[in-house]
Amino acid sequence: MFFNVFVFVLVFFAIVVLASAIRILREYERGVVFRLGRVLDKGAKGPGLVILIPFIDKMVRISLRIVVMDVPPQDVITRDNVSIKVNAVIYFRVVDPQRAVVEVENFLTATSQFSQTTLRSVLGQSELDDLLSQRDKINLHLQQIIDLKTEPWGIKVTAVEVKQIDLPQEMQRAMAKQAEAERERRSKVISAEGEYQASQRLSDAAKILSEQPSALTLRYLQTLREIATEHNSTTIFPVPIDLLKPFMQPSVELRPKEEGSAEGTEKKEP
């Protein structure tokens, strides 16, 4: 009986020892091993099977996958004194697991806190128009600053994106009025440019028609034809004097002759 209990205890102890000595790491995981409180100089372990000395070695798992961290909305006052609320997202991954464990207590919390302070600092030095029009430039500037700070922690920041900028209602109305005024200005400029081009064409056409009076008559008749085709109704239009000149010219030439003949008859009577 005593022997059976001893064997059972021995087997149980062996199972506990094997369970604490064997670790299996996935492809994207690495293990930082501490032996009696000191980190091993051989670097991170894994992936695959890792054998530890029971009760002596302690291992910390670190994932090498890209971490997508949402930066909470931050209240920012821009350089031109506009109060806005901005949130962002940061993409980073661990490139040195040993430094990520040894150099900083919690690299996730540290990266998140530094991203928030950097976001407020950088956006506070920019104007609102730059935030809205130069988003890529600001994202790159944020990425460079955060990556430079987190590099000693063994972390590589791959990208930082400003997701949303919440503007006050008063600023939204002011920007809407500004956009409307800009659209109206463009409309007036385009209309004035069209009028200017049309006046130039009309001036050129008037010069050409003035050289050929018959062309003006033909153009007038063509306009009447278009009116008669589109509107099947009675159309009253004035007759230009130029159309009557050919008929009036002979009468003007004959009138002096008739007056001259009349004077001659009067002189012959005495």
C-alpha atoms as a PDB file:
ATOM      1  CA  MET A   1       0.000   0.000   0.000  1.00  0.00           C
ATOM      2  CA  PHE A   2       2.748   2.424   0.898  1.00  0.00           C
ATOM      3  CA  PHE A   3       4.606   1.515  -2.289  1.00  0.00           C
ATOM      4  CA  ASN A   4       1.578   2.325  -4.444  1.00  0.00           C
ATOM      5  CA  VAL A   5       1.185   5.720  -2.822  1.00  0.00           C
ATOM      6  CA  PHE A   6       4.859   6.428  -3.362  1.00  0.00           C
ATOM      7  CA  VAL A   7       4.649   5.510  -7.035  1.00  0.00           C
ATOM      8  CA  PHE A   8       1.550   7.699  -7.464  1.00  0.00           C
ATOM      9  CA  VAL A   9       3.292  10.678  -5.862  1.00  0.00           C
ATOM     10  CA  LEU A  10       6.375  10.099  -7.976  1.00  0.00           C
ATOM     11  CA  VAL A  11       4.375   9.966 -11.188  1.00  0.00           C
ATOM     12  CA  PHE A  12       2.422  13.070 -10.229  1.00  0.00           C
ATOM     13  CA  PHE A  13       5.632  14.930  -9.449  1.00  0.00           C
ATOM     14  CA  ALA A  14       7.129  13.874 -12.781  1.00  0.00           C
ATOM     15  CA  ILE A  15       4.062  15.123 -14.636  1.00  0.00           C
ATOM     16  CA  VAL A  16       4.256  18.487 -12.850  1.00  0.00           C
ATOM     17  CA  VAL A  17       7.956  18.788 -13.653  1.00  0.00           C
ATOM     18  CA  LEU A  18       7.437  17.984 -17.334  1.00  0.00           C
ATOM     19  CA  ALA A  19       4.537  20.396 -17.545  1.00  0.00           C
ATOM     20  CA  SER A  20       6.660  23.193 -16.117  1.00  0.00           C
ATOM     21  CA  ALA A  21       9.689  22.310 -18.252  1.00  0.00           C
ATOM     22  CA  ILE A  22       8.104  22.027 -21.689  1.00  0.00           C
ATOM     23  CA  ARG A  23       6.772  25.030 -23.597  1.00  0.00           C
ATOM     24  CA  ILE A  24       5.474  25.178 -27.167  1.00  0.00           C
ATOM     25  CA  LEU A  25       5.657  28.509 -28.956  1.00  0.00           C
ATOM     26  CA  ARG A  26       3.714  29.351 -32.105  1.00  0.00           C
ATOM     27  CA  GLU A  27       5.317  30.693 -35.272  1.00  0.00           C
ATOM     28  CA  TYR A  28       4.590  34.313 -34.345  1.00  0.00           C
ATOM     29  CA  GLU A  29       5.668  33.960 -30.684  1.00  0.00           C
ATOM     30  CA  ARG A  30       9.032  34.283 -28.997  1.00  0.00           C
ATOM     31  CA  GLY A  31      10.017  33.534 -25.408  1.00  0.00           C
ATOM     32  CA  VAL A  32      12.306  35.584 -23.173  1.00  0.00           C
ATOM     33  CA  VAL A  33      13.778  33.238 -20.566  1.00  0.00           C
ATOM     34  CA  PHE A  34      14.879  34.381 -17.094  1.00  0.00           C
ATOM     35  CA  ARG A  35      17.132  32.017 -15.171  1.00  0.00           C
ATOM     36  CA  LEU A  36      17.246  32.821 -11.479  1.00  0.00           C
ATOM     37  CA  GLY A  37      16.080  36.329 -12.319  1.00  0.00           C
ATOM     38  CA  ARG A  38      18.671  36.993 -15.010  1.00  0.00           C
ATOM     39  CA  VAL A  39      17.785  37.080 -18.687  1.00  0.00           C
ATOM     40  CA  LEU A  40      19.660  34.625 -20.881  1.00  0.00           C
ATOM     41  CA  ASP A  41      22.138  36.238 -23.257  1.00  0.00           C
ATOM     42  CA  LYS A  42      21.273  33.806 -26.051  1.00  0.00           C
ATOM     43  CA  GLY A  43      18.267  35.867 -26.988  1.00  0.00           C
ATOM     44  CA  ALA A  44      14.640  34.955 -27.388  1.00  0.00           C
ATOM     45  CA  LYS A  45      13.578  31.312 -27.752  1.00  0.00           C
ATOM     46  CA  GLY A  46      11.267  29.800 -30.308  1.00  0.00           C
ATOM     47  CA  PRO A  47       9.267  29.092 -32.233  1.00  0.00           C
ATOM     48  CA  GLY A  48       8.583  25.428 -31.543  1.00  0.00           C
ATOM     49  CA  LEU A  49       9.517  23.332 -28.530  1.00  0.00           C
ATOM     50  CA  VAL A  50      11.357  25.033 -25.665  1.00  0.00           C
ATOM     51  CA  ILE A  51      12.803  23.122 -22.696  1.00  0.00           C
ATOM     52  CA  LEU A  52      13.079  24.972 -19.387  1.00  0.00           C
ATOM     53  CA  ILE A  53      14.667  24.020 -16.102  1.00  0.00           C
ATOM     54  CA  PRO A  54      11.771  23.520 -13.683  1.00  0.00           C
ATOM     55  CA  PHE A  55      11.479  26.006 -10.828  1.00  0.00           C
ATOM     56  CA  ILE A  56      14.572  27.861 -12.088  1.00  0.00           C
ATOM     57  CA  ASP A  57      13.652  29.253 -15.510  1.00  0.00           C
ATOM     58  CA  LYS A  58      10.737  31.616 -16.140  1.00  0.00           C
ATOM     59  CA  MET A  59       9.605  32.486 -19.632  1.00  0.00           C
ATOM     60  CA  VAL A  60       7.653  35.517 -20.902  1.00  0.00           C
ATOM     61  CA  ARG A  61       5.771  35.123 -24.205  1.00  0.00           C
ATOM     62  CA  ILE A  62       5.956  37.967 -26.708  1.00  0.00           C
ATOM     63  CA  SER A  63       3.937  38.152 -29.934  1.00  0.00           C
ATOM     64  CA  LEU A  64       5.681  39.430 -33.074  1.00  0.00           C
ATOM     65  CA  ARG A  65       2.470  40.198 -34.955  1.00  0.00           C
ATOM     66  CA  ILE A  66       1.514  43.767 -35.846  1.00  0.00           C
ATOM     67  CA  VAL A  67      -0.544  45.353 -33.085  1.00  0.00           C
ATOM     68  CA  VAL A  68      -3.347  47.730 -34.070  1.00  0.00           C
ATOM     69  CA  MET A  69      -3.911  50.155 -31.214  1.00  0.00           C
ATOM     70  CA  ASP A  70      -6.678  52.740 -31.138  1.00  0.00           C
ATOM     71  CA  VAL A  71      -5.607  56.061 -29.648  1.00  0.00           C
ATOM     72  CA  PRO A  72      -8.533  57.511 -27.613  1.00  0.00           C
ATOM     73  CA  PRO A  73      -9.974  60.886 -28.683  1.00  0.00           C
ATOM     74  CA  GLN A  74      -7.816  63.775 -27.544  1.00  0.00           C
ATOM     75  CA  ASP A  75      -8.887  67.381 -26.948  1.00  0.00           C
ATOM     76  CA  VAL A  76      -6.498  69.560 -28.929  1.00  0.00           C
ATOM     77  CA  ILE A  77      -6.223  73.326 -29.404  1.00  0.00           C
ATOM     78  CA  THR A  78      -4.636  74.040 -32.771  1.00  0.00           C
ATOM     79  CA  ARG A  79      -2.122  76.751 -33.526  1.00  0.00           C
ATOM     80  CA  ASP A  80      -4.897  79.077 -34.737  1.00  0.00           C
ATOM     81  CA  ASN A  81      -6.854  78.587 -31.456  1.00  0.00           C
ATOM     82  CA  VAL A  82      -9.493  76.135 -32.705  1.00  0.00           C
ATOM     83  CA  SER A  83     -10.656  73.511 -30.200  1.00  0.00           C
ATOM     84  CA  ILE A  84     -11.004  70.076 -31.841  1.00  0.00           C
ATOM     85  CA  LYS A  85     -11.199  66.436 -30.800  1.00  0.00           C
ATOM     86  CA  VAL A  86      -8.944  63.994 -32.668  1.00  0.00           C
ATOM     87  CA  ASN A  87      -8.487  60.244 -32.504  1.00  0.00           C
ATOM     88  CA  ALA A  88      -5.963  58.068 -34.331  1.00  0.00           C
ATOM     89  CA  VAL A  89      -4.791  54.498 -34.839  1.00  0.00           C
ATOM     90  CA  ILE A  90      -1.198  53.259 -34.551  1.00  0.00           C
ATOM     91  CA  TYR A  91       0.334  50.137 -36.106  1.00  0.00           C
ATOM     92  CA  PHE A  92       3.455  48.665 -34.505  1.00  0.00           C
ATOM     93  CA  ARG A  93       5.177  45.364 -33.770  1.00  0.00           C
ATOM     94  CA  VAL A  94       7.924  44.010 -31.540  1.00  0.00           C
ATOM     95  CA  VAL A  95      11.240  43.505 -33.326  1.00  0.00           C
ATOM     96  CA  ASP A  96      13.357  42.763 -30.235  1.00  0.00           C
ATOM     97  CA  PRO A  97      11.429  40.717 -27.632  1.00  0.00           C
ATOM     98  CA  GLN A  98      14.229  40.880 -25.067  1.00  0.00           C
ATOM     99  CA  ARG A  99      14.299  44.684 -24.974  1.00  0.00           C
ATOM    100  CA  ALA A 100      10.501  44.859 -25.045  1.00  0.00           C
ATOM    101  CA  VAL A 101      10.462  42.890 -21.776  1.00  0.00           C
ATOM    102  CA  VAL A 102      13.525  44.302 -20.039  1.00  0.00           C
ATOM    103  CA  GLU A 103      13.566  47.980 -21.046  1.00  0.00           C
ATOM    104  CA  VAL A 104       9.929  48.839 -20.299  1.00  0.00           C
ATOM    105  CA  GLU A 105       7.418  47.487 -17.813  1.00  0.00           C
ATOM    106  CA  ASN A 106       4.475  47.216 -20.226  1.00  0.00           C
ATOM    107  CA  PHE A 107       5.279  48.154 -23.801  1.00  0.00           C
ATOM    108  CA  LEU A 108       1.605  48.248 -24.843  1.00  0.00           C
ATOM    109  CA  THR A 109       0.645  50.781 -22.175  1.00  0.00           C
ATOM    110  CA  ALA A 110       3.830  52.785 -22.700  1.00  0.00           C
ATOM    111  CA  THR A 111       3.288  53.000 -26.459  1.00  0.00           C
ATOM    112  CA  SER A 112      -0.347  54.001 -25.998  1.00  0.00           C
ATOM    113  CA  GLN A 113       0.445  56.772 -23.517  1.00  0.00           C
ATOM    114  CA  PHE A 114       3.286  58.183 -25.588  1.00  0.00           C
ATOM    115  CA  SER A 115       1.075  58.129 -28.711  1.00  0.00           C
ATOM    116  CA  GLN A 116      -1.563  60.212 -26.926  1.00  0.00           C
ATOM    117  CA  THR A 117       0.906  62.844 -25.746  1.00  0.00           C
ATOM    118  CA  THR A 118       2.591  62.999 -29.163  1.00  0.00           C
ATOM    119  CA  LEU A 119      -0.764  63.379 -30.896  1.00  0.00           C
ATOM    120  CA  ARG A 120      -1.700  66.366 -28.711  1.00  0.00           C
ATOM    121  CA  SER A 121       1.731  67.941 -29.076  1.00  0.00           C
ATOM    122  CA  VAL A 122       2.054  67.658 -32.867  1.00  0.00           C
ATOM    123  CA  LEU A 123      -1.515  68.653 -33.687  1.00  0.00           C
ATOM    124  CA  GLY A 124      -1.306  71.565 -31.259  1.00  0.00           C
ATOM    125  CA  GLN A 125       1.540  72.990 -33.333  1.00  0.00           C
ATOM    126  CA  SER A 126      -0.414  72.763 -36.603  1.00  0.00           C
ATOM    127  CA  GLU A 127      -3.168  74.933 -38.011  1.00  0.00           C
ATOM    128  CA  LEU A 128      -6.634  73.627 -38.791  1.00  0.00           C
ATOM    129  CA  ASP A 129      -6.231  74.026 -42.549  1.00  0.00           C
ATOM    130  CA  ASP A 130      -3.042  71.939 -42.442  1.00  0.00           C
ATOM    131  CA  LEU A 131      -4.793  69.205 -40.460  1.00  0.00           C
ATOM    132  CA  LEU A 132      -7.533  68.975 -43.067  1.00  0.00           C
ATOM    133  CA  SER A 133      -5.422  69.304 -46.215  1.00  0.00           C
ATOM    134  CA  GLN A 134      -2.042  67.784 -45.258  1.00  0.00           C
ATOM    135  CA  ARG A 135      -3.136  64.641 -43.456  1.00  0.00           C
ATOM    136  CA  ASP A 136      -0.421  62.433 -44.986  1.00  0.00           C
ATOM    137  CA  LYS A 137       2.359  64.791 -43.941  1.00  0.00           C
ATOM    138  CA  ILE A 138       1.104  64.925 -40.355  1.00  0.00           C
ATOM    139  CA  ASN A 139       0.719  61.132 -40.210  1.00  0.00           C
ATOM    140  CA  LEU A 140       4.315  60.685 -41.344  1.00  0.00           C
ATOM    141  CA  HIS A 141       5.553  63.212 -38.782  1.00  0.00           C
ATOM    142  CA  LEU A 142       3.705  61.393 -35.986  1.00  0.00           C
ATOM    143  CA  GLN A 143       5.075  58.032 -37.113  1.00  0.00           C
ATOM    144  CA  GLN A 144       8.656  59.308 -37.101  1.00  0.00           C
ATOM    145  CA  ILE A 145       8.400  60.815 -33.605  1.00  0.00           C
ATOM    146  CA  ILE A 146       6.746  57.766 -32.021  1.00  0.00           C
ATOM    147  CA  ASP A 147       9.097  55.333 -33.765  1.00  0.00           C
ATOM    148  CA  LEU A 148      12.140  57.275 -32.556  1.00  0.00           C
ATOM    149  CA  LYS A 149      10.901  57.129 -28.967  1.00  0.00           C
ATOM    150  CA  THR A 150       9.901  53.452 -28.961  1.00  0.00           C
ATOM    151  CA  GLU A 151      13.016  52.179 -30.753  1.00  0.00           C
ATOM    152  CA  PRO A 152      14.961  51.626 -27.484  1.00  0.00           C
ATOM    153  CA  TRP A 153      12.055  49.425 -26.350  1.00  0.00           C
ATOM    154  CA  GLY A 154      12.489  47.079 -29.327  1.00  0.00           C
ATOM    155  CA  ILE A 155       9.290  48.321 -31.006  1.00  0.00           C
ATOM    156  CA  LYS A 156       8.922  49.367 -34.637  1.00  0.00           C
ATOM    157  CA  VAL A 157       6.059  51.751 -35.466  1.00  0.00           C
ATOM    158  CA  THR A 158       4.994  51.063 -39.054  1.00  0.00           C
ATOM    159  CA  ALA A 159       2.193  53.621 -39.475  1.00  0.00           C
ATOM    160  CA  VAL A 160       0.112  56.236 -37.666  1.00  0.00           C
ATOM    161  CA  GLU A 161      -3.221  57.397 -39.106  1.00  0.00           C
ATOM    162  CA  VAL A 162      -5.392  60.250 -37.877  1.00  0.00           C
ATOM    163  CA  LYS A 163      -8.882  58.767 -38.189  1.00  0.00           C
ATOM    164  CA  GLN A 164     -11.328  61.536 -37.385  1.00  0.00           C
ATOM    165  CA  ILE A 165     -11.309  65.237 -36.553  1.00  0.00           C
ATOM    166  CA  ASP A 166     -14.403  66.489 -34.721  1.00  0.00           C
ATOM    167  CA  LEU A 167     -14.999  70.203 -35.233  1.00  0.00           C
ATOM    168  CA  PRO A 168     -17.296  72.450 -33.184  1.00  0.00           C
ATOM    169  CA  GLN A 169     -20.683  73.286 -34.701  1.00  0.00           C
ATOM    170  CA  GLU A 170     -19.757  76.963 -35.057  1.00  0.00           C
ATOM    171  CA  MET A 171     -16.623  76.077 -37.012  1.00  0.00           C
ATOM    172  CA  GLN A 172     -18.561  73.700 -39.255  1.00  0.00           C
ATOM    173  CA  ARG A 173     -21.056  76.445 -40.111  1.00  0.00           C
ATOM    174  CA  ALA A 174     -18.249  78.922 -40.776  1.00  0.00           C
ATOM    175  CA  MET A 175     -16.472  76.460 -43.066  1.00  0.00           C
ATOM    176  CA  ALA A 176     -19.725  75.748 -44.894  1.00  0.00           C
ATOM    177  CA  LYS A 177     -20.239  79.486 -45.492  1.00  0.00           C
ATOM    178  CA  GLN A 178     -16.671  79.811 -46.691  1.00  0.00           C
ATOM    179  CA  ALA A 179     -17.097  76.924 -49.122  1.00  0.00           C
ATOM    180  CA  GLU A 180     -20.378  78.377 -50.382  1.00  0.00           C
ATOM    181  CA  ALA A 181     -18.790  81.792 -50.927  1.00  0.00           C
ATOM    182  CA  GLU A 182     -15.897  80.175 -52.773  1.00  0.00           C
ATOM    183  CA  ARG A 183     -18.285  78.285 -55.050  1.00  0.00           C
ATOM    184  CA  GLU A 184     -20.238  81.460 -55.741  1.00  0.00           C
ATOM    185  CA  ARG A 185     -17.029  83.330 -56.546  1.00  0.00           C
ATOM    186  CA  ARG A 186     -15.994  80.645 -59.017  1.00  0.00           C
ATOM    187  CA  SER A 187     -19.448  80.739 -60.607  1.00  0.00           C
ATOM    188  CA  LYS A 188     -19.262  84.503 -61.105  1.00  0.00           C
ATOM    189  CA  VAL A 189     -15.756  84.311 -62.514  1.00  0.00           C
ATOM    190  CA  ILE A 190     -16.755  81.585 -64.967  1.00  0.00           C
ATOM    191  CA  SER A 191     -19.876  83.530 -65.991  1.00  0.00           C
ATOM    192  CA  ALA A 192     -17.872  86.729 -66.512  1.00  0.00           C
ATOM    193  CA  GLU A 193     -15.274  84.831 -68.529  1.00  0.00           C
ATOM    194  CA  GLY A 194     -18.041  83.397 -70.694  1.00  0.00           C
ATOM    195  CA  GLU A 195     -19.518  86.841 -71.277  1.00  0.00           C
ATOM    196  CA  TYR A 196     -16.088  88.190 -72.198  1.00  0.00           C
ATOM    197  CA  GLN A 197     -15.448  85.417 -74.710  1.00  0.00           C
ATOM    198  CA  ALA A 198     -18.952  85.808 -76.143  1.00  0.00           C
ATOM    199  CA  SER A 199     -18.468  89.578 -76.567  1.00  0.00           C
ATOM    200  CA  GLN A 200     -15.213  88.952 -78.413  1.00  0.00           C
ATOM    201  CA  ARG A 201     -16.913  86.522 -80.779  1.00  0.00           C
ATOM    202  CA  LEU A 202     -19.802  88.907 -81.341  1.00  0.00           C
ATOM    203  CA  SER A 203     -17.365  91.717 -82.058  1.00  0.00           C
ATOM    204  CA  ASP A 204     -15.560  89.561 -84.622  1.00  0.00           C
ATOM    205  CA  ALA A 205     -18.870  88.550 -86.178  1.00  0.00           C
ATOM    206  CA  ALA A 206     -20.021  92.174 -86.363  1.00  0.00           C
ATOM    207  CA  LYS A 207     -16.816  93.143 -88.165  1.00  0.00           C
ATOM    208  CA  ILE A 208     -17.308  90.382 -90.728  1.00  0.00           C
ATOM    209  CA  LEU A 209     -20.991  91.217 -91.277  1.00  0.00           C
ATOM    210  CA  SER A 210     -20.211  94.923 -91.641  1.00  0.00           C
ATOM    211  CA  GLU A 211     -17.966  94.140 -94.600  1.00  0.00           C
ATOM    212  CA  GLN A 212     -20.768  92.277 -96.399  1.00  0.00           C
ATOM    213  CA  PRO A 213     -24.221  93.863 -95.910  1.00  0.00           C
ATOM    214  CA  SER A 214     -25.896  90.999 -97.750  1.00  0.00           C
ATOM    215  CA  ALA A 215     -24.580  88.592 -95.110  1.00  0.00           C
ATOM    216  CA  LEU A 216     -26.489  90.500 -92.439  1.00  0.00           C
ATOM    217  CA  THR A 217     -29.675  90.163 -94.508  1.00  0.00           C
ATOM    218  CA  LEU A 218     -29.157  86.437 -94.918  1.00  0.00           C
ATOM    219  CA  ARG A 219     -28.547  86.059 -91.185  1.00  0.00           C
ATOM    220  CA  TYR A 220     -31.745  87.979 -90.475  1.00  0.00           C
ATOM    221  CA  LEU A 221     -33.766  85.747 -92.786  1.00  0.00           C
ATOM    222  CA  GLN A 222     -32.252  82.622 -91.220  1.00  0.00           C
ATOM    223  CA  THR A 223     -33.306  83.809 -87.772  1.00  0.00           C
ATOM    224  CA  LEU A 224     -36.866  84.353 -89.040  1.00  0.00           C
ATOM    225  CA  ARG A 225     -36.885  80.864 -90.491  1.00  0.00           C
ATOM    226  CA  GLU A 226     -35.825  79.345 -87.156  1.00  0.00           C
ATOM    227  CA  ILE A 227     -38.543  81.294 -85.335  1.00  0.00           C
ATOM    228  CA  ALA A 228     -41.186  80.145 -87.793  1.00  0.00           C
ATOM    229  CA  THR A 229     -40.080  76.515 -87.467  1.00  0.00           C
ATOM    230  CA  GLU A 230     -40.035  76.366 -83.667  1.00  0.00           C
ATOM    231  CA  HIS A 231     -43.164  78.436 -82.985  1.00  0.00           C
ATOM    232  CA  ASN A 232     -46.130  77.697 -85.251  1.00  0.00           C
ATOM    233  CA  SER A 233     -47.894  80.969 -84.596  1.00  0.00           C
ATOM    234  CA  THR A 234     -48.173  84.445 -85.989  1.00  0.00           C
ATOM    235  CA  THR A 235     -44.887  86.299 -85.724  1.00  0.00           C
ATOM    236  CA  ILE A 236     -44.626  90.080 -86.010  1.00  0.00           C
ATOM    237  CA  PHE A 237     -41.160  91.295 -86.853  1.00  0.00           C
ATOM    238  CA  PRO A 238     -39.754  94.636 -88.035  1.00  0.00           C
ATOM    239  CA  VAL A 239     -38.444  94.959 -91.567  1.00  0.00           C
ATOM    240  CA  PRO A 240     -34.943  96.441 -91.688  1.00  0.00           C
ATOM    241  CA  ILE A 241     -34.382  99.490 -93.859  1.00  0.00           C
ATOM    242  CA  ASP A 242     -31.540  97.736 -95.620  1.00  0.00           C
ATOM    243  CA  LEU A 243     -34.015  95.451 -97.330  1.00  0.00           C
ATOM    244  CA  LEU A 244     -35.843  98.440 -98.851  1.00  0.00           C
ATOM    245  CA  LYS A 245     -32.792 100.297-100.117  1.00  0.00           C
ATOM    246  CA  PRO A 246     -32.710  98.514-103.488  1.00  0.00           C
ATOM    247  CA  PHE A 247     -36.320  99.591-104.103  1.00  0.00           C
ATOM    248  CA  MET A 248     -35.864 103.149-102.859  1.00  0.00           C
ATOM    249  CA  GLN A 249     -32.735 103.949-104.846  1.00  0.00           C
ATOM    250  CA  PRO A 250     -34.372 104.288-108.343  1.00  0.00           C
ATOM    251  CA  SER A 251     -37.070 106.647-107.035  1.00  0.00           C
ATOM    252  CA  VAL A 252     -34.402 108.850-105.544  1.00  0.00           C
ATOM    253  CA  GLU A 253     -32.530 108.990-108.846  1.00  0.00           C
ATOM    254  CA  LEU A 254     -35.679 109.794-110.897  1.00  0.00           C
ATOM    255  CA  ARG A 255     -36.921 112.585-108.658  1.00  0.00           C
ATOM    256  CA  PRO A 256     -34.320 115.192-109.716  1.00  0.00           C
ATOM    257  CA  LYS A 257     -35.017 114.476-113.382  1.00  0.00           C
ATOM    258  CA  GLU A 258     -38.757 114.979-112.929  1.00  0.00           C
ATOM    259  CA  GLU A 259     -38.165 118.244-111.056  1.00  0.00           C
ATOM    260  CA  GLY A 260     -35.796 119.410-113.767  1.00  0.00           C
ATOM    261  CA  SER A 261     -38.265 118.642-116.530  1.00  0.00           C
ATOM    262  CA  ALA A 262     -41.004 120.460-114.693  1.00  0.00           C
ATOM    263  CA  GLU A 263     -38.884 123.598-114.387  1.00  0.00           C
ATOM    264  CA  GLY A 264     -38.100 123.450-118.086  1.00  0.00           C
ATOM    265  CA  THR A 265     -41.733 123.433-119.087  1.00  0.00           C
ATOM    266  CA  GLU A 266     -42.419 126.343-116.837  1.00  0.00           C
ATOM    267  CA  LYS A 267     -39.665 128.362-118.496  1.00  0.00           C
ATOM    268  CA  LYS A 268     -40.968 127.628-121.981  1.00  0.00           C
ATOM    269  CA  GLU A 269     -44.457 129.028-121.372  1.00  0.00           C
ATOM    270  CA  PRO A 270     -43.590 132.749-121.666  1.00  0.00           C
END
